[in-house]
Structures are given as structure tokens and as C-alpha cells.
Amino acid sequence: MQHRSSGFDNFFAQGATPVYPKLDLCSVMNVDLVDASPQAAINSLLQPGRRTVFFLNAHCANIRAVQSDYATALARADLLLPDGIGIELAARMQGDRLTVNLNGTDLLPPLLKAAARQGKSLFLFGGSPGTAEKAARQLGSMIPGLRIAGTLDGYGGATDAEAAINTINGSGADILLVAMGVPLQELWLDRFGHRLLPELKMAVGGLFDFWAGNVKRAPLWLRKVKSEWIWRLAMEPKRLAQRYILGNFTFMWRAARHAMRNSSRYAIHKRLLDVGLSAGALIVLAPLLVLICAAIRIDSPGAPIFSQKRVGRNGEHFTLYKFRSMYLDAEERRKELLAMSDRQGVCFKARNDPRVTRIGRILRRFSLDELPQIVNILSGKMSIVGPRPALPEEVEAYSQRALRRLSVKPGLTGIWQVSGRADVDFDRMVDMDIAYARSRSILLDLALISVTFQAVFKGHGAY
């Protein structure tokens, strides 16, 4: 698996055509999906060259599992784009995270705008009689300059494959969108795609119905919470009940089974250890957590919980929680204090940091400020044992070697944390984290957890 496009940097030579790197891929349920930003995907799709592109959502994955000719068509496509919350959840189950949901409804409008700027023309094939024409008119008003080379419905227009191929090729279109529904559209393109002249051929499902106004899209707020399928089910309950209710349950069962089958025994045991110990600690330590919150509020104004963006496994950003041990203006004053760092390397640490409150010094001395990270462990963003979670600005300064410490989840404790913490310089910390990533095991995790208590009481490097 390839990780991980952090955006797409176009390279422009003086007076030359832009050159775009290959798209990163992420394997989800043994299917290689594009893992890139929308702009990166658009840049790649509109490059010169012939390509057939399909989307994969939960419904598609269910059909793929039982229909071999459709599975073969997907395997022969040039690119598969991830579509929907189901695929995103399946990726998370196996410990990955897709850059973005590249569903056709959101991706195609900016892609066609870019195509219009490049002078490319479009052919719409599919939908009920009249739908492709209505969709074409709507696209013409939405995207000035977009050239519609032709339309053909997916009923009478699709009965004679030879005539449809001749009509499409005769139009001179650069882009062909086929909207016949899954799996018919993919099977048609897989069978006849080699005879079609448009460079970019995409199967787009019910997209023409949205453009033509036959189907209303979900409100923006529902799309933002990734629940558009609920709206579609409400709009067409009879047609979509089996697909979205039974189908979603079936897909999640398949995704979970795949994740369990492909997870190492260590990964499963580690997650069970994380959940069991963190949940137990949250219950047992609840009174102490409340007391610490009260002490922080009494000592200095502001919320007792401090949240901060950190970088986790494979460069994924997440929100880390700690008890606030500094005054509220600490972040603004950080740049002024960088020269005071008592630690060599990328990470800033100052033994006499003036931003730390009185209660904060006590919390740091006994590592109590780290306790809210129990919530990060329960959510799966962190583990009990792992490298220290890094700040984004620190990661930007990492060497290629230092990036290897991001191959595992960050942890509440680890080799660095029990070996002197801030007294250990950055390069030695990287060595320790890489060594842990190579040799991690449940036995090693248990040993580090047991040593942590001794390290906390000694307090070496805890400031």
C-alpha cells in the first residue's frame, strides 16, 4: 500500500506542459483505491491518455463479492475512486484513512469545469429517455464553455451496442460519462471500452438524475455529517430499502471480517489491551480527574482541558487532549522561547519554561497532565504504548529517517517516555521509536507499561 498523498504539487517547467505524479493508492478490502485530494484526482484524470474510471461504494462492494464478471470489470479498470462513508469506515477498520471521499456528485462538477477550460468535450450516455438531454442543458448553464458533444439515453439508445459505439465515436467527444446503474454501466464499459474513442470514460451511476433535477440531493448539513444515504432512503424507500438497510449491514459485516482476517494477532491483542486498560483507568481515576480540573481552574483562568493538533500514524492529524499546564497565552509565546530549549533537535523543551503554571509544574512532574489522553486511546487515535505524538510543525522538519517513527500509533508511554523524556535528545528519541516499531510485541508493551510507574515517580526529564 502506498502512503500517502498530502496534496498534489504540480510541477511546471518553463513554458512546458504540467507534469503530474502518479496518484497514491490505498488497498481497502483488497481493492486498490485512489487516495488523493479532489484536485490531485482531477489533474490526473484529465492528463493525456486513455483511462477507464469507476467508483466503489458499499453497494458496489456487495455486488463485487457475489458477481464475478463485475469483480473482473473493476479489476480491469484503470482507476477506482472511493465513494461514501462505508468505504471510509472499511479503511479505518483496517487501520488506514482515506484522504477524502471522491464521490462523483462532488467530483464531477469541478472536473468538468477544468475540462471546459482545456477545451474538452463531453458525451452523456444513460438515464431514462430525456434525462441525459436535461442534464446536458443544466451542465451548459452551470459550466460556461463546456462543449456537449452528444447525448444518448440508457434504454432505447443502449439496445444496439454497435449503434451506440458509432454515435459516441462519431461525436468526437473527449470525455464519456455512462449512467446505467451498477453493475450494468461497468460491464458495458468493460466489454466495449477498448472500441470507444473518448480518452476518459467514467461510470457515474445516477448522476444524470441529480443534474436533470429528477432527484433532489440531500441538504448540505446532512452531507457534512456523511449521512446522505439517509436522505436517499427517505426519498425512495421502496427502491433503496434493501440496498441501504440490509446492504449496509452486510457490507459492514464483510468489512469487519476482512479487517479481522487481515489484522495480525498482535494488532488485535494490542487494541484489546488499549481499550481494556484505558476504559478501566477512566473509571478508577474519575475522582482524581475531577480534582485536577478544579485545581487548574483555581490556579489560573481558562478551561482545564487543553486540546492541540498532533500527528499520528501515517501522518494522520488528530486532536490530542491534555490537562492545561500553561497559561492561556502559551502558544503565542512559544516562538519567543525557542532559543531557551534545553533539548537538541526538532522538539522544543525548556526546564524553566515561564509559561507553566504552579499546578502545571506538579502535573508535569508526575505526568498527570497526560491523563486525558485516555480518551484518545479509547477513540483509537493513540495507543497506551507508542512514540510521543508529534506537533505538525515538528513533522515538517523531520528527515526521511525520522518519519519512520510515524509508522505506528503514538502512545501515552513508550521507550522514550521511560528513558528520561526531555533529557533524551531528538536523534536518540528517533532511534528508540524506530527500534520499538521494529520489535513491538505485547510482551514488550506490558514491560514498558510496568516500567512507566517507576519512571513517573523518579520524574527524570519530566518538565
Protein backbone atom coordinates (compact mmCIF):
# COMPACT_ATOMS: atom_id res chain seq x y z
CA MET A 1 0.00 0.00 0.00
CA GLN A 2 1.22 3.46 -0.83
CA HIS A 3 1.01 6.23 1.74
CA ARG A 4 0.07 9.00 1.43
CA SER A 5 -0.54 11.94 -0.83
CA SER A 6 -0.56 15.09 1.27
CA GLY A 7 -1.95 17.11 -1.63
CA PHE A 8 -0.74 17.31 -5.22
CA ASP A 9 2.19 19.52 -6.13
CA ASN A 10 2.08 20.36 -9.81
CA PHE A 11 5.43 20.82 -11.50
CA PHE A 12 5.64 23.41 -14.25
CA ALA A 13 8.74 23.64 -16.40
CA GLN A 14 9.36 26.96 -18.11
CA GLY A 15 6.82 27.07 -20.96
CA ALA A 16 6.16 23.32 -20.69
CA THR A 17 3.11 21.17 -20.09
CA PRO A 18 2.49 20.44 -16.38
CA VAL A 19 3.71 17.06 -15.18
CA TYR A 20 1.64 15.31 -12.52
CA PRO A 21 2.97 12.50 -10.32
CA LYS A 22 1.13 9.19 -10.11
CA LEU A 23 -1.79 9.04 -7.71
CA ASP A 24 -1.30 7.30 -4.39
CA LEU A 25 -3.37 4.17 -3.82
CA CYS A 26 -4.85 2.63 -0.68
CA SER A 27 -5.92 -1.02 -0.60
CA VAL A 28 -9.36 -1.39 1.03
CA MET A 29 -10.83 -4.91 1.21
CA ASN A 30 -8.24 -5.98 -1.38
CA VAL A 31 -9.26 -3.24 -3.84
CA ASP A 32 -6.75 -0.52 -4.77
CA LEU A 33 -8.50 2.85 -4.45
CA VAL A 34 -7.21 6.30 -5.34
CA ASP A 35 -6.09 8.09 -2.17
CA ALA A 36 -5.67 11.73 -3.14
CA SER A 37 -7.22 15.17 -2.89
CA PRO A 38 -10.00 16.09 -5.37
CA GLN A 39 -7.69 18.46 -7.24
CA ALA A 40 -4.99 15.80 -7.50
CA ALA A 41 -7.52 13.31 -8.88
CA ILE A 42 -8.86 15.85 -11.41
CA ASN A 43 -5.36 16.74 -12.59
CA SER A 44 -4.58 13.07 -13.14
CA LEU A 45 -7.89 12.17 -14.81
CA LEU A 46 -7.51 14.96 -17.37
CA GLN A 47 -3.96 14.07 -18.35
CA PRO A 48 -3.47 12.93 -21.95
CA GLY A 49 -4.01 9.19 -22.31
CA ARG A 50 -6.86 6.69 -22.31
CA ARG A 51 -8.35 5.60 -18.99
CA THR A 52 -11.50 3.96 -17.65
CA VAL A 53 -12.59 5.04 -14.19
CA PHE A 54 -15.17 3.52 -11.83
CA PHE A 55 -16.38 4.40 -8.33
CA LEU A 56 -16.56 1.94 -5.42
CA ASN A 57 -19.11 2.33 -2.62
CA ALA A 58 -20.64 -0.12 -0.12
CA HIS A 59 -23.28 -1.25 -2.63
CA CYS A 60 -20.62 -1.84 -5.30
CA ALA A 61 -18.52 -3.84 -2.83
CA ASN A 62 -21.52 -6.06 -2.03
CA ILE A 63 -22.12 -6.77 -5.74
CA ARG A 64 -18.40 -7.40 -6.28
CA ALA A 65 -18.49 -10.08 -3.57
CA VAL A 66 -21.14 -12.14 -5.37
CA GLN A 67 -20.83 -11.27 -9.08
CA SER A 68 -17.58 -12.43 -10.66
CA ASP A 69 -17.96 -10.60 -14.01
CA TYR A 70 -18.43 -7.29 -12.16
CA ALA A 71 -15.42 -8.03 -9.94
CA THR A 72 -13.40 -8.68 -13.11
CA ALA A 73 -14.57 -5.38 -14.62
CA LEU A 74 -13.45 -3.49 -11.51
CA ALA A 75 -10.07 -5.22 -11.56
CA ARG A 76 -9.54 -4.20 -15.20
CA ALA A 77 -10.41 -0.52 -14.66
CA ASP A 78 -7.53 1.93 -14.74
CA LEU A 79 -8.63 3.74 -11.57
CA LEU A 80 -11.18 3.14 -8.81
CA LEU A 81 -12.36 6.12 -6.74
CA PRO A 82 -13.65 5.77 -3.13
CA ASP A 83 -17.29 6.76 -2.75
CA GLY A 84 -19.17 7.10 0.54
CA ILE A 85 -18.89 6.69 4.28
CA GLY A 86 -18.96 2.88 4.06
CA ILE A 87 -15.63 2.69 2.22
CA GLU A 88 -14.15 5.24 4.63
CA LEU A 89 -15.21 3.11 7.61
CA ALA A 90 -13.82 -0.05 5.99
CA ALA A 91 -10.46 1.71 5.59
CA ARG A 92 -10.49 2.76 9.24
CA MET A 93 -11.27 -0.79 10.36
CA GLN A 94 -8.03 -1.96 8.81
CA GLY A 95 -6.07 0.93 10.34
CA ASP A 96 -5.96 3.30 7.35
CA ARG A 97 -7.58 6.60 6.50
CA LEU A 98 -8.51 7.78 3.02
CA THR A 99 -7.62 11.37 2.18
CA VAL A 100 -11.16 12.24 1.07
CA ASN A 101 -14.42 10.83 -0.26
CA LEU A 102 -14.18 11.16 -4.05
CA ASN A 103 -17.87 10.60 -4.85
CA GLY A 104 -18.98 11.51 -8.37
CA THR A 105 -21.63 14.04 -7.31
CA ASP A 106 -18.96 16.27 -5.76
CA LEU A 107 -16.02 15.42 -8.03
CA LEU A 108 -17.59 15.71 -11.49
CA PRO A 109 -18.61 19.43 -11.47
CA PRO A 110 -15.05 20.72 -10.79
CA LEU A 111 -13.64 18.08 -13.15
CA LEU A 112 -15.94 19.26 -15.96
CA LYS A 113 -15.07 22.91 -15.23
CA ALA A 114 -11.39 22.03 -15.63
CA ALA A 115 -12.24 20.09 -18.79
CA ALA A 116 -14.09 23.13 -20.20
CA ARG A 117 -11.02 25.31 -19.58
CA GLN A 118 -8.97 22.79 -21.55
CA GLY A 119 -11.50 22.81 -24.42
CA LYS A 120 -12.55 19.19 -23.91
CA SER A 121 -16.00 17.98 -24.99
CA LEU A 122 -18.45 15.68 -23.19
CA PHE A 123 -20.84 12.88 -24.18
CA LEU A 124 -23.62 11.77 -21.79
CA PHE A 125 -24.82 8.17 -22.24
CA GLY A 126 -27.50 6.73 -19.96
CA GLY A 127 -30.52 7.57 -17.85
CA SER A 128 -34.19 7.36 -18.77
CA PRO A 129 -35.34 8.94 -22.08
CA GLY A 130 -34.86 12.71 -21.91
CA THR A 131 -32.71 12.66 -18.75
CA ALA A 132 -29.33 12.96 -20.50
CA GLU A 133 -30.61 15.91 -22.56
CA LYS A 134 -31.93 17.71 -19.45
CA ALA A 135 -28.65 17.01 -17.64
CA ALA A 136 -26.70 18.38 -20.60
CA ARG A 137 -28.72 21.62 -20.60
CA GLN A 138 -28.19 22.05 -16.86
CA LEU A 139 -24.44 21.44 -17.22
CA GLY A 140 -24.33 24.00 -20.01
CA SER A 141 -25.79 26.66 -17.70
CA MET A 142 -23.63 25.59 -14.74
CA ILE A 143 -20.35 25.45 -16.64
CA PRO A 144 -19.95 28.14 -19.32
CA GLY A 145 -17.77 26.96 -22.18
CA LEU A 146 -18.43 23.23 -21.64
CA ARG A 147 -18.95 21.61 -25.03
CA ILE A 148 -21.60 18.87 -25.13
CA ALA A 149 -20.70 16.53 -27.99
CA GLY A 150 -23.89 14.48 -27.71
CA THR A 151 -26.34 12.52 -25.55
CA LEU A 152 -27.93 9.09 -25.68
CA ASP A 153 -30.37 7.50 -23.25
CA GLY A 154 -29.68 4.22 -21.50
CA TYR A 155 -32.89 2.48 -22.63
CA GLY A 156 -33.65 2.52 -26.37
CA GLY A 157 -30.30 4.17 -27.03
CA ALA A 158 -28.44 1.26 -25.42
CA THR A 159 -30.28 -1.63 -27.09
CA ASP A 160 -27.98 -1.58 -30.12
CA ALA A 161 -24.40 -1.52 -28.82
CA GLU A 162 -22.90 -1.05 -32.30
CA ALA A 163 -25.06 1.98 -33.00
CA ALA A 164 -24.22 3.48 -29.58
CA ILE A 165 -20.48 2.99 -30.16
CA ASN A 166 -20.70 4.61 -33.59
CA THR A 167 -22.69 7.56 -32.21
CA ILE A 168 -20.21 8.15 -29.35
CA ASN A 169 -17.14 7.83 -31.58
CA GLY A 170 -18.71 10.00 -34.27
CA SER A 171 -19.31 12.81 -31.78
CA GLY A 172 -15.59 13.41 -31.30
CA ALA A 173 -16.09 13.61 -27.51
CA ASP A 174 -13.05 13.66 -25.21
CA ILE A 175 -14.96 12.51 -22.11
CA LEU A 176 -17.70 9.86 -21.90
CA LEU A 177 -19.96 9.55 -18.85
CA VAL A 178 -22.02 6.37 -18.69
CA ALA A 179 -25.00 6.33 -16.30
CA MET A 180 -26.75 2.96 -16.44
CA GLY A 181 -26.52 1.96 -12.80
CA VAL A 182 -24.28 -0.60 -11.10
CA PRO A 183 -23.22 -3.10 -12.44
CA LEU A 184 -24.59 -2.63 -15.98
CA GLN A 185 -22.54 0.51 -16.69
CA GLU A 186 -19.23 -1.07 -15.60
CA LEU A 187 -19.94 -4.26 -17.53
CA TRP A 188 -20.78 -2.25 -20.68
CA LEU A 189 -17.59 -0.19 -20.46
CA ASP A 190 -15.50 -3.27 -19.68
CA ARG A 191 -16.89 -5.02 -22.77
CA PHE A 192 -16.82 -2.14 -25.26
CA GLY A 193 -14.38 0.38 -23.75
CA HIS A 194 -11.47 -0.65 -26.00
CA ARG A 195 -13.55 0.38 -29.02
CA LEU A 196 -14.54 3.81 -27.68
CA LEU A 197 -12.52 6.86 -28.74
CA PRO A 198 -13.03 9.26 -25.75
CA GLU A 199 -9.87 9.36 -23.66
CA LEU A 200 -11.66 9.48 -20.29
CA LYS A 201 -14.54 7.05 -19.70
CA MET A 202 -16.35 7.10 -16.36
CA ALA A 203 -19.28 5.13 -14.91
CA VAL A 204 -21.34 7.62 -12.88
CA GLY A 205 -24.47 5.81 -11.65
CA GLY A 206 -27.48 8.07 -11.05
CA LEU A 207 -25.60 11.32 -11.53
CA PHE A 208 -27.66 12.41 -14.56
CA ASP A 209 -30.82 12.30 -12.41
CA PHE A 210 -29.27 14.84 -10.00
CA TRP A 211 -28.21 17.16 -12.81
CA ALA A 212 -31.57 16.84 -14.60
CA GLY A 213 -33.48 17.64 -11.41
CA ASN A 214 -35.21 14.23 -11.29
CA VAL A 215 -33.72 13.54 -7.84
CA LYS A 216 -33.07 16.20 -5.20
CA ARG A 217 -29.78 15.98 -3.34
CA ALA A 218 -29.56 15.92 0.45
CA PRO A 219 -29.19 19.24 2.33
CA LEU A 220 -25.60 20.37 2.85
CA TRP A 221 -25.70 19.82 6.62
CA LEU A 222 -26.66 16.16 6.12
CA ARG A 223 -23.87 15.71 3.58
CA LYS A 224 -21.36 17.23 6.01
CA VAL A 225 -22.20 14.60 8.65
CA LYS A 226 -21.78 11.92 5.95
CA SER A 227 -25.37 10.73 6.10
CA GLU A 228 -26.58 11.46 2.58
CA TRP A 229 -27.69 7.83 2.28
CA ILE A 230 -30.40 8.50 4.90
CA TRP A 231 -31.85 11.24 2.66
CA ARG A 232 -31.81 9.00 -0.39
CA LEU A 233 -33.50 6.21 1.57
CA ALA A 234 -36.21 8.64 2.71
CA MET A 235 -36.76 9.85 -0.87
CA GLU A 236 -37.02 6.35 -2.39
CA PRO A 237 -37.74 3.88 0.45
CA LYS A 238 -39.16 1.07 -1.67
CA ARG A 239 -36.31 1.03 -4.18
CA LEU A 240 -33.44 1.62 -1.76
CA ALA A 241 -34.51 -0.10 1.50
CA GLN A 242 -32.74 -3.36 0.71
CA ARG A 243 -29.64 -1.57 -0.59
CA TYR A 244 -29.19 0.79 2.35
CA ILE A 245 -30.53 -1.17 5.32
CA LEU A 246 -29.71 -4.80 4.60
CA GLY A 247 -26.92 -3.86 2.21
CA ASN A 248 -25.10 -1.56 4.63
CA PHE A 249 -25.28 -4.18 7.39
CA THR A 250 -23.92 -6.82 5.00
CA PHE A 251 -21.11 -4.55 3.87
CA MET A 252 -20.03 -3.64 7.41
CA TRP A 253 -20.00 -7.33 8.33
CA ARG A 254 -17.79 -8.08 5.31
CA ALA A 255 -15.50 -5.14 6.12
CA ALA A 256 -15.13 -6.20 9.77
CA ARG A 257 -14.46 -9.80 8.80
CA HIS A 258 -11.83 -8.67 6.29
CA ALA A 259 -10.16 -6.39 8.85
CA MET A 260 -10.04 -9.16 11.47
CA ARG A 261 -8.75 -11.72 8.98
CA ASN A 262 -6.00 -9.40 7.77
CA SER A 263 -5.01 -7.96 11.13
CA SER A 264 -2.07 -9.52 12.87
CA ARG A 265 -2.73 -11.25 16.14
CA TYR A 266 -0.56 -8.60 17.79
CA ALA A 267 -2.71 -5.74 16.42
CA ILE A 268 -5.89 -7.36 17.74
CA HIS A 269 -4.37 -8.05 21.17
CA LYS A 270 -2.89 -4.54 21.34
CA ARG A 271 -6.25 -2.93 20.64
CA LEU A 272 -7.94 -5.12 23.26
CA LEU A 273 -5.22 -4.12 25.75
CA ASP A 274 -5.68 -0.42 24.89
CA VAL A 275 -9.45 -0.49 25.27
CA GLY A 276 -9.45 -2.61 28.45
CA LEU A 277 -6.81 -0.63 30.34
CA SER A 278 -7.95 2.83 29.22
CA ALA A 279 -11.62 2.16 29.99
CA GLY A 280 -10.71 0.78 33.41
CA ALA A 281 -8.41 3.72 34.11
CA LEU A 282 -11.10 6.22 33.16
CA ILE A 283 -13.48 4.69 35.71
CA VAL A 284 -10.95 4.29 38.53
CA LEU A 285 -9.34 7.72 38.04
CA ALA A 286 -12.59 9.69 37.59
CA PRO A 287 -12.43 11.32 41.09
CA LEU A 288 -8.79 12.32 40.55
CA LEU A 289 -9.59 13.79 37.13
CA VAL A 290 -12.33 15.95 38.66
CA LEU A 291 -9.99 17.19 41.41
CA ILE A 292 -7.30 18.10 38.86
CA CYS A 293 -9.84 20.06 36.81
CA ALA A 294 -10.86 22.03 39.89
CA ALA A 295 -7.23 22.73 40.88
CA ILE A 296 -6.39 24.04 37.42
CA ARG A 297 -9.39 26.38 37.40
CA ILE A 298 -8.48 27.74 40.85
CA ASP A 299 -4.81 28.25 39.92
CA SER A 300 -5.33 30.13 36.63
CA PRO A 301 -8.25 31.26 34.43
CA GLY A 302 -9.28 29.17 31.46
CA ALA A 303 -10.56 25.71 30.58
CA PRO A 304 -8.80 22.85 32.42
CA ILE A 305 -8.56 20.71 29.26
CA PHE A 306 -6.11 21.75 26.56
CA SER A 307 -6.52 20.43 23.00
CA GLN A 308 -3.89 20.54 20.30
CA LYS A 309 -3.38 19.17 16.79
CA ARG A 310 -0.86 16.33 16.72
CA VAL A 311 0.39 13.92 14.06
CA GLY A 312 -0.43 10.24 14.44
CA ARG A 313 0.13 7.05 12.47
CA ASN A 314 0.98 7.55 8.79
CA GLY A 315 0.87 11.33 9.20
CA GLU A 316 -2.82 11.49 10.18
CA HIS A 317 -3.68 14.62 12.18
CA PHE A 318 -5.82 14.25 15.30
CA THR A 319 -6.82 16.31 18.32
CA LEU A 320 -4.84 15.43 21.44
CA TYR A 321 -6.19 16.19 24.92
CA LYS A 322 -4.17 17.14 27.99
CA PHE A 323 -4.73 18.90 31.27
CA ARG A 324 -3.71 22.52 30.79
CA SER A 325 -0.38 23.08 32.49
CA MET A 326 0.35 26.50 30.97
CA TYR A 327 -1.16 29.96 30.89
CA LEU A 328 -3.63 30.72 28.11
CA ASP A 329 -1.14 32.71 26.00
CA ALA A 330 1.36 29.83 25.88
CA GLU A 331 1.06 29.19 22.14
CA GLU A 332 1.61 32.86 21.27
CA ARG A 333 4.74 32.98 23.45
CA ARG A 334 6.25 29.72 22.12
CA LYS A 335 8.16 31.35 19.24
CA GLU A 336 9.78 33.83 21.64
CA LEU A 337 11.10 30.97 23.78
CA LEU A 338 12.51 28.61 21.13
CA ALA A 339 16.04 29.80 21.88
CA MET A 340 15.59 28.64 25.51
CA SER A 341 15.20 24.97 24.53
CA ASP A 342 17.21 22.63 26.77
CA ARG A 343 16.94 19.89 24.18
CA GLN A 344 18.89 19.40 20.96
CA GLY A 345 16.94 18.73 17.79
CA VAL A 346 13.46 19.46 16.50
CA CYS A 347 11.35 19.24 19.67
CA PHE A 348 11.21 22.26 21.99
CA LYS A 349 11.57 21.68 25.75
CA ALA A 350 12.59 24.21 28.43
CA ARG A 351 13.22 23.18 32.04
CA ASN A 352 12.29 26.64 33.35
CA ASP A 353 9.51 27.45 30.91
CA PRO A 354 7.82 30.64 32.25
CA ARG A 355 4.55 29.67 30.60
CA VAL A 356 3.96 26.78 33.03
CA THR A 357 1.57 27.43 35.95
CA ARG A 358 2.17 26.37 39.57
CA ILE A 359 -0.28 23.49 39.32
CA GLY A 360 1.12 22.74 35.88
CA ARG A 361 4.57 22.05 37.33
CA ILE A 362 3.10 19.47 39.70
CA LEU A 363 1.08 17.88 36.93
CA ARG A 364 4.13 17.66 34.67
CA ARG A 365 6.37 16.33 37.45
CA PHE A 366 4.11 13.28 37.85
CA SER A 367 2.90 13.18 34.22
CA LEU A 368 -0.69 13.79 35.37
CA ASP A 369 -1.20 16.30 32.57
CA GLU A 370 -1.19 13.37 30.12
CA LEU A 371 -4.20 11.57 31.67
CA PRO A 372 -6.89 13.00 29.32
CA GLN A 373 -5.13 11.12 26.51
CA ILE A 374 -7.04 8.09 27.81
CA VAL A 375 -9.85 9.45 25.61
CA ASN A 376 -7.50 9.47 22.59
CA ILE A 377 -6.63 5.84 23.30
CA LEU A 378 -10.29 4.79 23.56
CA SER A 379 -11.04 6.51 20.23
CA GLY A 380 -8.21 4.62 18.53
CA LYS A 381 -6.09 7.66 17.65
CA MET A 382 -3.41 6.67 20.18
CA SER A 383 -2.22 3.55 21.94
CA ILE A 384 -1.06 3.07 25.52
CA VAL A 385 2.43 2.25 24.22
CA GLY A 386 3.99 4.06 21.26
CA PRO A 387 6.11 7.05 20.21
CA ARG A 388 5.41 10.51 21.56
CA PRO A 389 2.75 12.26 19.40
CA ALA A 390 4.46 15.00 17.41
CA LEU A 391 3.37 18.52 16.54
CA PRO A 392 2.70 19.24 12.83
CA GLU A 393 5.49 21.86 12.70
CA GLU A 394 7.92 19.30 14.14
CA VAL A 395 6.99 16.74 11.47
CA GLU A 396 7.55 19.35 8.74
CA ALA A 397 11.19 19.49 9.90
CA TYR A 398 11.64 15.69 10.05
CA SER A 399 14.22 13.89 7.96
CA GLN A 400 13.15 10.84 5.95
CA ARG A 401 14.52 8.65 8.72
CA ALA A 402 12.58 10.47 11.45
CA LEU A 403 9.34 9.97 9.50
CA ARG A 404 9.66 6.25 10.21
CA ARG A 405 8.54 6.87 13.78
CA LEU A 406 5.10 7.68 12.33
CA SER A 407 4.63 4.08 11.13
CA VAL A 408 2.90 3.15 14.41
CA LYS A 409 0.28 4.84 16.59
CA PRO A 410 1.63 7.39 19.08
CA GLY A 411 1.44 6.35 22.71
CA LEU A 412 0.93 7.58 26.24
CA THR A 413 4.11 5.78 27.25
CA GLY A 414 6.98 4.17 25.40
CA ILE A 415 10.74 3.62 25.34
CA TRP A 416 11.49 7.36 25.15
CA GLN A 417 8.97 8.18 27.86
CA VAL A 418 10.57 5.76 30.36
CA SER A 419 14.17 6.59 29.39
CA GLY A 420 14.44 10.18 30.53
CA ARG A 421 11.87 12.01 28.35
CA ALA A 422 13.10 15.58 27.78
CA ASP A 423 16.63 14.62 28.90
CA VAL A 424 16.89 12.43 25.77
CA ASP A 425 17.86 14.35 22.62
CA PHE A 426 15.76 14.16 19.46
CA ASP A 427 18.03 11.82 17.48
CA ARG A 428 18.16 9.29 20.31
CA MET A 429 14.37 9.52 20.64
CA VAL A 430 14.03 8.69 16.93
CA ASP A 431 16.37 5.70 17.37
CA MET A 432 14.22 4.44 20.25
CA ASP A 433 10.97 4.88 18.35
CA ILE A 434 12.27 3.10 15.25
CA ALA A 435 13.55 0.26 17.43
CA TYR A 436 10.11 -0.05 19.03
CA ALA A 437 8.37 -0.06 15.63
CA ARG A 438 10.63 -2.92 14.50
CA SER A 439 10.36 -5.12 17.59
CA ARG A 440 6.97 -4.30 19.15
CA SER A 441 5.09 -7.11 20.87
CA ILE A 442 2.52 -7.49 23.63
CA LEU A 443 5.28 -8.67 26.00
CA LEU A 444 7.31 -5.52 25.28
CA ASP A 445 4.20 -3.34 25.71
CA LEU A 446 3.44 -4.91 29.10
CA ALA A 447 7.06 -4.44 30.18
CA LEU A 448 7.01 -0.74 29.20
CA ILE A 449 3.68 -0.19 30.99
CA SER A 450 5.11 -1.69 34.20
CA VAL A 451 8.30 0.39 33.98
CA THR A 452 6.23 3.54 33.39
CA PHE A 453 5.10 3.73 37.03
CA GLN A 454 8.70 3.71 38.24
CA ALA A 455 9.65 6.35 35.66
CA VAL A 456 6.78 8.60 36.73
CA PHE A 457 7.84 8.57 40.38
CA LYS A 458 11.50 9.23 39.53
CA GLY A 459 10.45 12.10 37.23
CA HIS A 460 13.58 12.16 35.06
CA GLY A 461 13.06 14.61 32.19
CA ALA A 462 9.52 15.43 33.32
CA TYR A 463 9.25 19.19 32.79
